[in-house]
Amino acid sequence: MTLTWANLLTLMRALCIAPMLWCMLEGHWVAASALFVVAALTDYFDGPVARRLGQASPLGGVLDHATDALFVSASTWVAASLGLLPAPLGWLILAAFLQYLLDSKALAGQALRASKLGRYNGVAYFVLVGVVVIGHGVGLWPLLATPTLWAGWLLVATTVLSMADRAFTLISLKRSTRTPSP
């Protein structure tokens, strides 16, 4: 793997994961908030930097998505262990990412229909983690606890819907590419 500016940003995000999780578990919410902001900014800028500098690559895209999936999955697992988010959410995020990877491999050479719901979920995972972490960091968590938990359950439902949609799309594409037998 070539270390490009975009991949360096992705690596910075990956390096934020373990310290942020530790800070969450130890109740160091201000430090966790700072690490979250670094992670969110690197996620926001790595794609545009890759495109602007001509450094976009399939491997870079997979590394970006994998880092995002690990970041939000692990963060939601920790938040769930603290009773702040629904327990199934982190596992569903990881399952959705693995499904995306397998579908992409299964459809090599074909366009995989991008799911708007999947894209919105991806953004919402980051926002939800940010609300938990920064909400604690700035002392607003008591006001945010119930709506955040409900938003987490809504994301559980929309993640399942997105995964089902992707599965049905894969099945349909596979059926349409089969050659009819004589």
C-alpha atoms as a PDB file:
ATOM      1  CA  MET A   1       0.000   0.000   0.000  1.00  0.00           C
ATOM      2  CA  THR A   2       1.287   3.415  -0.948  1.00  0.00           C
ATOM      3  CA  LEU A   3       1.183   5.955   1.840  1.00  0.00           C
ATOM      4  CA  THR A   4      -0.642   8.855   0.201  1.00  0.00           C
ATOM      5  CA  TRP A   5      -1.975  11.975   1.914  1.00  0.00           C
ATOM      6  CA  ALA A   6      -5.487  10.507   1.820  1.00  0.00           C
ATOM      7  CA  ASN A   7      -4.315   7.186   3.277  1.00  0.00           C
ATOM      8  CA  LEU A   8      -2.421   9.102   5.961  1.00  0.00           C
ATOM      9  CA  LEU A   9      -5.689  10.794   6.982  1.00  0.00           C
ATOM     10  CA  THR A  10      -7.393   7.387   7.121  1.00  0.00           C
ATOM     11  CA  LEU A  11      -4.498   6.057   9.218  1.00  0.00           C
ATOM     12  CA  MET A  12      -4.874   9.014  11.608  1.00  0.00           C
ATOM     13  CA  ARG A  13      -8.539   8.076  12.062  1.00  0.00           C
ATOM     14  CA  ALA A  14      -7.616   4.456  12.703  1.00  0.00           C
ATOM     15  CA  LEU A  15      -5.106   5.547  15.339  1.00  0.00           C
ATOM     16  CA  CYS A  16      -7.852   7.486  17.155  1.00  0.00           C
ATOM     17  CA  ILE A  17      -9.989   4.376  17.714  1.00  0.00           C
ATOM     18  CA  ALA A  18      -8.287   2.662  20.666  1.00  0.00           C
ATOM     19  CA  PRO A  19      -7.565   5.838  22.659  1.00  0.00           C
ATOM     20  CA  MET A  20     -11.120   7.101  22.145  1.00  0.00           C
ATOM     21  CA  LEU A  21     -12.602   3.794  23.285  1.00  0.00           C
ATOM     22  CA  TRP A  22     -10.390   3.830  26.377  1.00  0.00           C
ATOM     23  CA  CYS A  23     -11.409   7.431  27.127  1.00  0.00           C
ATOM     24  CA  MET A  24     -15.081   6.485  26.796  1.00  0.00           C
ATOM     25  CA  LEU A  25     -14.689   3.513  29.126  1.00  0.00           C
ATOM     26  CA  GLU A  26     -12.789   5.594  31.680  1.00  0.00           C
ATOM     27  CA  GLY A  27     -15.204   8.522  31.500  1.00  0.00           C
ATOM     28  CA  HIS A  28     -12.675  10.941  30.005  1.00  0.00           C
ATOM     29  CA  TRP A  29     -15.332  12.466  27.771  1.00  0.00           C
ATOM     30  CA  VAL A  30     -13.527  15.699  26.869  1.00  0.00           C
ATOM     31  CA  ALA A  31     -10.525  13.742  25.575  1.00  0.00           C
ATOM     32  CA  ALA A  32     -12.865  11.314  23.806  1.00  0.00           C
ATOM     33  CA  SER A  33     -14.597  14.326  22.224  1.00  0.00           C
ATOM     34  CA  ALA A  34     -11.298  15.698  20.921  1.00  0.00           C
ATOM     35  CA  LEU A  35     -10.407  12.309  19.425  1.00  0.00           C
ATOM     36  CA  PHE A  36     -13.863  12.064  17.863  1.00  0.00           C
ATOM     37  CA  VAL A  37     -13.444  15.475  16.221  1.00  0.00           C
ATOM     38  CA  VAL A  38     -10.066  14.422  14.780  1.00  0.00           C
ATOM     39  CA  ALA A  39     -11.618  11.193  13.463  1.00  0.00           C
ATOM     40  CA  ALA A  40     -14.615  12.998  11.951  1.00  0.00           C
ATOM     41  CA  LEU A  41     -12.417  15.603  10.245  1.00  0.00           C
ATOM     42  CA  THR A  42     -10.099  12.982   8.768  1.00  0.00           C
ATOM     43  CA  ASP A  43     -13.139  11.090   7.478  1.00  0.00           C
ATOM     44  CA  TYR A  44     -14.540  14.249   5.932  1.00  0.00           C
ATOM     45  CA  PHE A  45     -11.308  15.184   4.168  1.00  0.00           C
ATOM     46  CA  ASP A  46      -9.704  11.899   3.072  1.00  0.00           C
ATOM     47  CA  GLY A  47     -11.942  11.386   0.033  1.00  0.00           C
ATOM     48  CA  PRO A  48     -11.693  14.944  -1.312  1.00  0.00           C
ATOM     49  CA  VAL A  49      -7.920  14.933  -0.757  1.00  0.00           C
ATOM     50  CA  ALA A  50      -7.588  11.631  -2.639  1.00  0.00           C
ATOM     51  CA  ARG A  51      -9.628  12.924  -5.584  1.00  0.00           C
ATOM     52  CA  ARG A  52      -7.962  16.345  -5.706  1.00  0.00           C
ATOM     53  CA  LEU A  53      -4.442  14.886  -5.636  1.00  0.00           C
ATOM     54  CA  GLY A  54      -5.276  12.014  -7.997  1.00  0.00           C
ATOM     55  CA  GLN A  55      -4.626   9.474  -5.238  1.00  0.00           C
ATOM     56  CA  ALA A  56      -8.018   7.739  -5.233  1.00  0.00           C
ATOM     57  CA  SER A  57      -7.717   3.961  -5.459  1.00  0.00           C
ATOM     58  CA  PRO A  58      -9.938   0.936  -4.824  1.00  0.00           C
ATOM     59  CA  LEU A  59      -7.671  -0.093  -1.942  1.00  0.00           C
ATOM     60  CA  GLY A  60      -7.869   3.381  -0.421  1.00  0.00           C
ATOM     61  CA  GLY A  61     -11.657   3.247  -0.650  1.00  0.00           C
ATOM     62  CA  VAL A  62     -11.779  -0.132   1.091  1.00  0.00           C
ATOM     63  CA  LEU A  63      -9.387   1.085   3.814  1.00  0.00           C
ATOM     64  CA  ASP A  64     -11.529   4.195   4.329  1.00  0.00           C
ATOM     65  CA  HIS A  65     -14.745   2.170   4.622  1.00  0.00           C
ATOM     66  CA  ALA A  66     -13.099  -0.455   6.830  1.00  0.00           C
ATOM     67  CA  THR A  67     -11.731   2.225   9.167  1.00  0.00           C
ATOM     68  CA  ASP A  68     -15.143   3.896   9.322  1.00  0.00           C
ATOM     69  CA  ALA A  69     -16.841   0.566  10.065  1.00  0.00           C
ATOM     70  CA  LEU A  70     -14.348  -0.287  12.798  1.00  0.00           C
ATOM     71  CA  PHE A  71     -14.552   3.207  14.295  1.00  0.00           C
ATOM     72  CA  VAL A  72     -18.347   3.366  14.525  1.00  0.00           C
ATOM     73  CA  SER A  73     -18.814  -0.337  15.378  1.00  0.00           C
ATOM     74  CA  ALA A  74     -16.329  -0.256  18.226  1.00  0.00           C
ATOM     75  CA  SER A  75     -17.653   3.088  19.481  1.00  0.00           C
ATOM     76  CA  THR A  76     -21.217   1.821  19.525  1.00  0.00           C
ATOM     77  CA  TRP A  77     -20.114  -1.403  21.262  1.00  0.00           C
ATOM     78  CA  VAL A  78     -18.496   0.637  24.025  1.00  0.00           C
ATOM     79  CA  ALA A  79     -21.499   2.974  24.239  1.00  0.00           C
ATOM     80  CA  ALA A  80     -23.794  -0.071  24.434  1.00  0.00           C
ATOM     81  CA  SER A  81     -21.645  -1.595  27.190  1.00  0.00           C
ATOM     82  CA  LEU A  82     -22.175   1.665  29.109  1.00  0.00           C
ATOM     83  CA  GLY A  83     -25.947   1.408  28.539  1.00  0.00           C
ATOM     84  CA  LEU A  84     -26.016   4.410  26.191  1.00  0.00           C
ATOM     85  CA  LEU A  85     -26.925   2.774  22.852  1.00  0.00           C
ATOM     86  CA  PRO A  86     -28.737  -0.397  21.742  1.00  0.00           C
ATOM     87  CA  ALA A  87     -26.509  -3.482  21.924  1.00  0.00           C
ATOM     88  CA  PRO A  88     -27.309  -4.818  18.414  1.00  0.00           C
ATOM     89  CA  LEU A  89     -26.242  -1.637  16.621  1.00  0.00           C
ATOM     90  CA  GLY A  90     -22.469  -2.197  16.579  1.00  0.00           C
ATOM     91  CA  TRP A  91     -22.878  -5.770  15.343  1.00  0.00           C
ATOM     92  CA  LEU A  92     -25.275  -4.671  12.615  1.00  0.00           C
ATOM     93  CA  ILE A  93     -22.876  -1.956  11.448  1.00  0.00           C
ATOM     94  CA  LEU A  94     -20.118  -4.549  11.159  1.00  0.00           C
ATOM     95  CA  ALA A  95     -22.440  -7.008   9.379  1.00  0.00           C
ATOM     96  CA  ALA A  96     -23.553  -4.290   6.927  1.00  0.00           C
ATOM     97  CA  PHE A  97     -19.921  -3.480   6.111  1.00  0.00           C
ATOM     98  CA  LEU A  98     -19.057  -7.147   5.573  1.00  0.00           C
ATOM     99  CA  GLN A  99     -22.116  -7.515   3.353  1.00  0.00           C
ATOM    100  CA  TYR A 100     -20.951  -4.499   1.325  1.00  0.00           C
ATOM    101  CA  LEU A 101     -17.510  -6.086   0.866  1.00  0.00           C
ATOM    102  CA  LEU A 102     -18.936  -9.469  -0.142  1.00  0.00           C
ATOM    103  CA  ASP A 103     -21.466  -7.912  -2.527  1.00  0.00           C
ATOM    104  CA  SER A 104     -18.743  -5.813  -4.122  1.00  0.00           C
ATOM    105  CA  LYS A 105     -16.622  -8.935  -4.638  1.00  0.00           C
ATOM    106  CA  ALA A 106     -19.591 -10.944  -5.934  1.00  0.00           C
ATOM    107  CA  LEU A 107     -20.399  -8.246  -8.469  1.00  0.00           C
ATOM    108  CA  ALA A 108     -16.833  -7.601  -9.634  1.00  0.00           C
ATOM    109  CA  GLY A 109     -17.028  -5.848 -12.972  1.00  0.00           C
ATOM    110  CA  GLN A 110     -20.629  -4.744 -12.438  1.00  0.00           C
ATOM    111  CA  ALA A 111     -21.927  -1.578 -10.895  1.00  0.00           C
ATOM    112  CA  LEU A 112     -23.330  -2.096  -7.423  1.00  0.00           C
ATOM    113  CA  ARG A 113     -26.329   0.160  -6.950  1.00  0.00           C
ATOM    114  CA  ALA A 114     -25.518   2.636  -4.241  1.00  0.00           C
ATOM    115  CA  SER A 115     -28.095   2.657  -1.488  1.00  0.00           C
ATOM    116  CA  LYS A 116     -29.228   6.078  -0.318  1.00  0.00           C
ATOM    117  CA  LEU A 117     -30.413   4.530   2.932  1.00  0.00           C
ATOM    118  CA  GLY A 118     -26.995   2.896   3.418  1.00  0.00           C
ATOM    119  CA  ARG A 119     -25.243   6.221   2.804  1.00  0.00           C
ATOM    120  CA  TYR A 120     -27.553   8.027   5.220  1.00  0.00           C
ATOM    121  CA  ASN A 121     -26.998   5.302   7.803  1.00  0.00           C
ATOM    122  CA  GLY A 122     -23.227   5.686   7.433  1.00  0.00           C
ATOM    123  CA  VAL A 123     -23.469   9.388   8.213  1.00  0.00           C
ATOM    124  CA  ALA A 124     -25.966   8.764  11.010  1.00  0.00           C
ATOM    125  CA  TYR A 125     -23.617   6.263  12.713  1.00  0.00           C
ATOM    126  CA  PHE A 126     -20.949   8.955  12.973  1.00  0.00           C
ATOM    127  CA  VAL A 127     -23.480  11.550  14.156  1.00  0.00           C
ATOM    128  CA  LEU A 128     -24.873   9.183  16.786  1.00  0.00           C
ATOM    129  CA  VAL A 129     -21.408   8.418  18.162  1.00  0.00           C
ATOM    130  CA  GLY A 130     -20.653  12.145  18.134  1.00  0.00           C
ATOM    131  CA  VAL A 131     -23.816  12.924  20.097  1.00  0.00           C
ATOM    132  CA  VAL A 132     -22.902  10.321  22.720  1.00  0.00           C
ATOM    133  CA  VAL A 133     -19.268  11.383  23.051  1.00  0.00           C
ATOM    134  CA  ILE A 134     -19.562  15.148  22.679  1.00  0.00           C
ATOM    135  CA  GLY A 135     -22.863  15.202  24.590  1.00  0.00           C
ATOM    136  CA  HIS A 136     -20.998  13.756  27.557  1.00  0.00           C
ATOM    137  CA  GLY A 137     -17.982  15.996  26.942  1.00  0.00           C
ATOM    138  CA  VAL A 138     -20.016  19.209  27.123  1.00  0.00           C
ATOM    139  CA  GLY A 139     -22.351  18.015  29.892  1.00  0.00           C
ATOM    140  CA  LEU A 140     -25.540  17.779  27.831  1.00  0.00           C
ATOM    141  CA  TRP A 141     -25.941  14.019  28.086  1.00  0.00           C
ATOM    142  CA  PRO A 142     -28.852  14.060  30.555  1.00  0.00           C
ATOM    143  CA  LEU A 143     -30.913  15.953  27.945  1.00  0.00           C
ATOM    144  CA  LEU A 144     -29.727  13.776  25.068  1.00  0.00           C
ATOM    145  CA  ALA A 145     -29.903  10.304  26.614  1.00  0.00           C
ATOM    146  CA  THR A 146     -33.471   9.296  25.717  1.00  0.00           C
ATOM    147  CA  PRO A 147     -33.621  10.757  22.187  1.00  0.00           C
ATOM    148  CA  THR A 148     -30.185   9.283  21.429  1.00  0.00           C
ATOM    149  CA  LEU A 149     -31.273   5.826  22.567  1.00  0.00           C
ATOM    150  CA  TRP A 150     -34.380   6.063  20.360  1.00  0.00           C
ATOM    151  CA  ALA A 151     -32.249   7.258  17.443  1.00  0.00           C
ATOM    152  CA  GLY A 152     -30.026   4.228  18.028  1.00  0.00           C
ATOM    153  CA  TRP A 153     -33.021   1.889  17.781  1.00  0.00           C
ATOM    154  CA  LEU A 154     -34.138   3.679  14.611  1.00  0.00           C
ATOM    155  CA  LEU A 155     -30.677   3.039  13.161  1.00  0.00           C
ATOM    156  CA  VAL A 156     -30.982  -0.634  14.098  1.00  0.00           C
ATOM    157  CA  ALA A 157     -34.182  -0.782  12.018  1.00  0.00           C
ATOM    158  CA  THR A 158     -32.829   1.200   9.055  1.00  0.00           C
ATOM    159  CA  THR A 159     -29.618  -0.854   9.022  1.00  0.00           C
ATOM    160  CA  VAL A 160     -31.647  -4.062   8.777  1.00  0.00           C
ATOM    161  CA  LEU A 161     -33.721  -2.500   5.971  1.00  0.00           C
ATOM    162  CA  SER A 162     -30.602  -1.375   4.129  1.00  0.00           C
ATOM    163  CA  MET A 163     -29.055  -4.841   4.413  1.00  0.00           C
ATOM    164  CA  ALA A 164     -32.246  -6.470   3.133  1.00  0.00           C
ATOM    165  CA  ASP A 165     -32.375  -4.035   0.223  1.00  0.00           C
ATOM    166  CA  ARG A 166     -28.758  -4.790  -0.672  1.00  0.00           C
ATOM    167  CA  ALA A 167     -29.413  -8.554  -0.492  1.00  0.00           C
ATOM    168  CA  PHE A 168     -32.471  -8.303  -2.757  1.00  0.00           C
ATOM    169  CA  THR A 169     -30.506  -6.124  -5.190  1.00  0.00           C
ATOM    170  CA  LEU A 170     -27.668  -8.657  -5.321  1.00  0.00           C
ATOM    171  CA  ILE A 171     -30.098 -11.527  -5.934  1.00  0.00           C
ATOM    172  CA  SER A 172     -31.856  -9.568  -8.689  1.00  0.00           C
ATOM    173  CA  LEU A 173     -28.575  -8.635 -10.386  1.00  0.00           C
ATOM    174  CA  LYS A 174     -27.320 -12.201 -10.218  1.00  0.00           C
ATOM    175  CA  ARG A 175     -30.565 -13.498 -11.757  1.00  0.00           C
ATOM    176  CA  SER A 176     -30.499 -10.924 -14.559  1.00  0.00           C
ATOM    177  CA  THR A 177     -26.905 -11.798 -15.532  1.00  0.00           C
ATOM    178  CA  ARG A 178     -27.532 -15.531 -15.877  1.00  0.00           C
ATOM    179  CA  THR A 179     -27.694 -16.763 -19.414  1.00  0.00           C
ATOM    180  CA  PRO A 180     -30.865 -18.677 -20.224  1.00  0.00           C
ATOM    181  CA  SER A 181     -30.321 -22.380 -20.800  1.00  0.00           C
ATOM    182  CA  PRO A 182     -31.470 -23.837 -24.167  1.00  0.00           C
END
